[in-house]
Amino acid sequence: MLIKILNIIRNVKEVEMKTRPLEKIIGIIDNGSMIEIKTTYEHLARRLGAAIHKAYKGSLQIQYLENEKYTRVYWSRDA
């Protein structure tokens, strides 16, 4: 499933680059049971989470941090 999720991430990134070239993925860290993706804009993080959730269902939580321009997106699914 990891490869399929990474393909979704790549596809979303390619679509976004066409219309929003400043929105980029700046890092992907595989921590074993968790993948951390760092982006330059909060909107890209939200779109990545939504695309993965659409493909694999599960639980999607989006936290907009008060008075900050950061967003934390958590997606999980029971195995």
N, C-alpha and C. Protein backbone atom coordinates (compact mmCIF):
# COMPACT_ATOMS: atom_id res chain seq x y z
N MET A 1 0.83 -1.20 0.00
CA MET A 1 0.00 0.00 0.00
C MET A 1 0.87 1.26 0.00
N LEU A 2 2.05 1.20 0.60
CA LEU A 2 2.92 2.37 0.66
C LEU A 2 3.24 2.90 -0.74
N ILE A 3 3.53 2.01 -1.66
CA ILE A 3 3.86 2.44 -3.03
C ILE A 3 2.66 3.12 -3.67
N LYS A 4 1.46 2.60 -3.42
CA LYS A 4 0.25 3.21 -3.99
C LYS A 4 0.02 4.59 -3.39
N ILE A 5 0.26 4.75 -2.10
CA ILE A 5 0.10 6.07 -1.46
C ILE A 5 1.13 7.04 -2.03
N LEU A 6 2.35 6.59 -2.20
CA LEU A 6 3.38 7.46 -2.78
C LEU A 6 3.02 7.85 -4.21
N ASN A 7 2.38 6.96 -4.97
CA ASN A 7 1.92 7.31 -6.32
C ASN A 7 0.83 8.38 -6.26
N ILE A 8 -0.08 8.28 -5.30
CA ILE A 8 -1.11 9.31 -5.13
C ILE A 8 -0.46 10.64 -4.82
N ILE A 9 0.51 10.64 -3.92
CA ILE A 9 1.22 11.87 -3.55
C ILE A 9 1.89 12.47 -4.79
N ARG A 10 2.56 11.64 -5.58
CA ARG A 10 3.22 12.12 -6.79
C ARG A 10 2.22 12.72 -7.77
N ASN A 11 1.09 12.05 -7.95
CA ASN A 11 0.07 12.55 -8.89
C ASN A 11 -0.50 13.89 -8.44
N VAL A 12 -0.81 14.02 -7.15
CA VAL A 12 -1.33 15.30 -6.64
C VAL A 12 -0.29 16.39 -6.82
N LYS A 13 0.96 16.07 -6.53
CA LYS A 13 2.04 17.05 -6.67
C LYS A 13 2.16 17.52 -8.12
N GLU A 14 2.10 16.61 -9.06
CA GLU A 14 2.21 16.98 -10.48
C GLU A 14 1.07 17.87 -10.94
N VAL A 15 -0.14 17.58 -10.50
CA VAL A 15 -1.30 18.41 -10.85
C VAL A 15 -1.15 19.80 -10.25
N GLU A 16 -0.75 19.86 -8.99
CA GLU A 16 -0.61 21.15 -8.32
C GLU A 16 0.49 22.00 -8.94
N MET A 17 1.58 21.38 -9.36
CA MET A 17 2.69 22.13 -9.94
C MET A 17 2.28 22.89 -11.20
N LYS A 18 1.28 22.37 -11.92
CA LYS A 18 0.84 23.02 -13.15
C LYS A 18 0.14 24.35 -12.87
N THR A 19 -0.59 24.43 -11.78
CA THR A 19 -1.36 25.65 -11.48
C THR A 19 -0.79 26.45 -10.32
N ARG A 20 -0.04 25.79 -9.44
CA ARG A 20 0.50 26.45 -8.25
C ARG A 20 1.96 26.03 -8.08
N PRO A 21 2.86 26.59 -8.87
CA PRO A 21 4.25 26.11 -8.87
C PRO A 21 5.01 26.34 -7.56
N LEU A 22 4.52 27.20 -6.70
CA LEU A 22 5.21 27.42 -5.42
C LEU A 22 4.81 26.41 -4.35
N GLU A 23 3.73 25.66 -4.59
CA GLU A 23 3.31 24.64 -3.64
C GLU A 23 4.08 23.38 -3.94
N LYS A 24 4.96 23.00 -3.01
CA LYS A 24 5.84 21.87 -3.25
C LYS A 24 5.91 20.95 -2.04
N ILE A 25 6.30 19.73 -2.30
CA ILE A 25 6.63 18.81 -1.23
C ILE A 25 8.11 19.00 -0.96
N ILE A 26 8.46 19.31 0.28
CA ILE A 26 9.86 19.57 0.58
C ILE A 26 10.52 18.42 1.34
N GLY A 27 9.73 17.43 1.71
CA GLY A 27 10.32 16.28 2.37
C GLY A 27 9.31 15.17 2.63
N ILE A 28 9.78 13.94 2.48
CA ILE A 28 8.98 12.77 2.83
C ILE A 28 9.86 11.91 3.72
N ILE A 29 9.38 11.65 4.94
CA ILE A 29 10.13 10.87 5.91
C ILE A 29 9.32 9.63 6.25
N ASP A 30 9.91 8.46 6.03
CA ASP A 30 9.26 7.19 6.36
C ASP A 30 9.73 6.77 7.75
N ASN A 31 8.83 6.83 8.71
CA ASN A 31 9.14 6.46 10.09
C ASN A 31 8.63 5.07 10.43
N GLY A 32 8.60 4.18 9.47
CA GLY A 32 8.12 2.83 9.72
C GLY A 32 6.61 2.74 9.62
N SER A 33 5.92 2.96 10.72
CA SER A 33 4.46 2.87 10.72
C SER A 33 3.80 4.20 10.35
N MET A 34 4.59 5.21 10.07
CA MET A 34 4.06 6.54 9.76
C MET A 34 4.92 7.19 8.68
N ILE A 35 4.26 7.94 7.80
CA ILE A 35 4.97 8.74 6.80
C ILE A 35 4.69 10.19 7.10
N GLU A 36 5.73 11.00 7.15
CA GLU A 36 5.59 12.43 7.38
C GLU A 36 5.93 13.15 6.07
N ILE A 37 5.00 14.00 5.64
CA ILE A 37 5.20 14.75 4.40
C ILE A 37 5.19 16.24 4.74
N LYS A 38 6.23 16.92 4.37
CA LYS A 38 6.32 18.37 4.62
C LYS A 38 6.10 19.10 3.31
N THR A 39 5.24 20.11 3.36
CA THR A 39 4.91 20.89 2.17
C THR A 39 5.19 22.37 2.41
N THR A 40 5.23 23.13 1.33
CA THR A 40 5.47 24.56 1.47
C THR A 40 4.19 25.34 1.78
N TYR A 41 3.03 24.76 1.49
CA TYR A 41 1.75 25.44 1.75
C TYR A 41 0.76 24.49 2.39
N GLU A 42 -0.05 25.04 3.25
CA GLU A 42 -1.05 24.23 3.98
C GLU A 42 -2.10 23.65 3.05
N HIS A 43 -2.39 24.31 1.96
CA HIS A 43 -3.41 23.82 1.04
C HIS A 43 -2.98 22.52 0.36
N LEU A 44 -1.71 22.41 0.03
CA LEU A 44 -1.20 21.19 -0.57
C LEU A 44 -1.30 20.03 0.41
N ALA A 45 -0.99 20.27 1.66
CA ALA A 45 -1.11 19.22 2.69
C ALA A 45 -2.56 18.74 2.78
N ARG A 46 -3.50 19.66 2.76
CA ARG A 46 -4.92 19.28 2.84
C ARG A 46 -5.33 18.47 1.61
N ARG A 47 -4.88 18.88 0.43
CA ARG A 47 -5.23 18.16 -0.79
C ARG A 47 -4.62 16.76 -0.82
N LEU A 48 -3.40 16.62 -0.31
CA LEU A 48 -2.78 15.30 -0.23
C LEU A 48 -3.58 14.38 0.68
N GLY A 49 -3.95 14.89 1.86
CA GLY A 49 -4.75 14.09 2.79
C GLY A 49 -6.08 13.69 2.20
N ALA A 50 -6.73 14.62 1.53
CA ALA A 50 -8.05 14.34 0.93
C ALA A 50 -7.93 13.29 -0.18
N ALA A 51 -6.87 13.33 -0.97
CA ALA A 51 -6.70 12.37 -2.06
C ALA A 51 -6.45 10.96 -1.51
N ILE A 52 -5.65 10.86 -0.47
CA ILE A 52 -5.39 9.56 0.14
C ILE A 52 -6.66 9.02 0.80
N HIS A 53 -7.38 9.90 1.48
CA HIS A 53 -8.63 9.50 2.12
C HIS A 53 -9.66 9.03 1.11
N LYS A 54 -9.74 9.70 -0.02
CA LYS A 54 -10.69 9.31 -1.06
C LYS A 54 -10.36 7.92 -1.60
N ALA A 55 -9.08 7.63 -1.75
CA ALA A 55 -8.66 6.35 -2.31
C ALA A 55 -8.76 5.20 -1.30
N TYR A 56 -8.48 5.47 -0.04
CA TYR A 56 -8.36 4.39 0.94
C TYR A 56 -9.29 4.51 2.14
N LYS A 57 -10.18 5.50 2.12
CA LYS A 57 -11.11 5.74 3.24
C LYS A 57 -10.32 5.93 4.52
N GLY A 58 -10.77 5.38 5.63
CA GLY A 58 -10.07 5.54 6.90
C GLY A 58 -10.49 6.81 7.60
N SER A 59 -9.60 7.33 8.41
CA SER A 59 -9.88 8.51 9.22
C SER A 59 -8.98 9.66 8.75
N LEU A 60 -9.59 10.81 8.51
CA LEU A 60 -8.84 12.00 8.09
C LEU A 60 -9.13 13.12 9.08
N GLN A 61 -8.08 13.67 9.65
CA GLN A 61 -8.21 14.80 10.57
C GLN A 61 -7.33 15.94 10.05
N ILE A 62 -7.91 17.13 10.00
CA ILE A 62 -7.17 18.30 9.56
C ILE A 62 -7.18 19.32 10.69
N GLN A 63 -6.00 19.71 11.15
CA GLN A 63 -5.88 20.69 12.23
C GLN A 63 -5.30 21.98 11.66
N TYR A 64 -6.09 23.03 11.71
CA TYR A 64 -5.61 24.35 11.34
C TYR A 64 -5.12 25.01 12.62
N LEU A 65 -3.86 25.34 12.69
CA LEU A 65 -3.29 25.90 13.89
C LEU A 65 -3.65 27.38 14.00
N GLU A 66 -4.17 27.75 15.14
CA GLU A 66 -4.66 29.11 15.36
C GLU A 66 -3.52 30.12 15.22
N ASN A 67 -3.79 31.19 14.50
CA ASN A 67 -2.85 32.28 14.27
C ASN A 67 -1.55 31.82 13.59
N GLU A 68 -1.60 30.71 12.91
CA GLU A 68 -0.44 30.19 12.19
C GLU A 68 -0.84 29.85 10.77
N LYS A 69 0.12 29.76 9.92
CA LYS A 69 -0.15 29.37 8.54
C LYS A 69 0.28 27.93 8.31
N TYR A 70 0.10 27.12 9.35
CA TYR A 70 0.45 25.70 9.29
C TYR A 70 -0.80 24.86 9.44
N THR A 71 -0.76 23.72 8.82
CA THR A 71 -1.86 22.76 8.92
C THR A 71 -1.25 21.39 9.15
N ARG A 72 -1.86 20.66 10.04
CA ARG A 72 -1.45 19.27 10.25
C ARG A 72 -2.57 18.39 9.75
N VAL A 73 -2.21 17.44 8.91
CA VAL A 73 -3.19 16.53 8.32
C VAL A 73 -2.80 15.12 8.75
N TYR A 74 -3.76 14.43 9.36
CA TYR A 74 -3.53 13.07 9.82
C TYR A 74 -4.50 12.14 9.11
N TRP A 75 -3.96 11.11 8.49
CA TRP A 75 -4.80 10.09 7.88
C TRP A 75 -4.37 8.76 8.45
N SER A 76 -5.32 7.92 8.77
CA SER A 76 -4.99 6.58 9.25
C SER A 76 -6.08 5.62 8.83
N ARG A 77 -5.72 4.35 8.82
CA ARG A 77 -6.67 3.31 8.50
C ARG A 77 -6.19 2.05 9.20
N ASP A 78 -7.15 1.31 9.78
CA ASP A 78 -6.80 0.03 10.39
C ASP A 78 -6.36 -0.93 9.31
N ALA A 79 -5.37 -1.72 9.61
CA ALA A 79 -4.83 -2.67 8.62
C ALA A 79 -5.81 -3.76 8.26
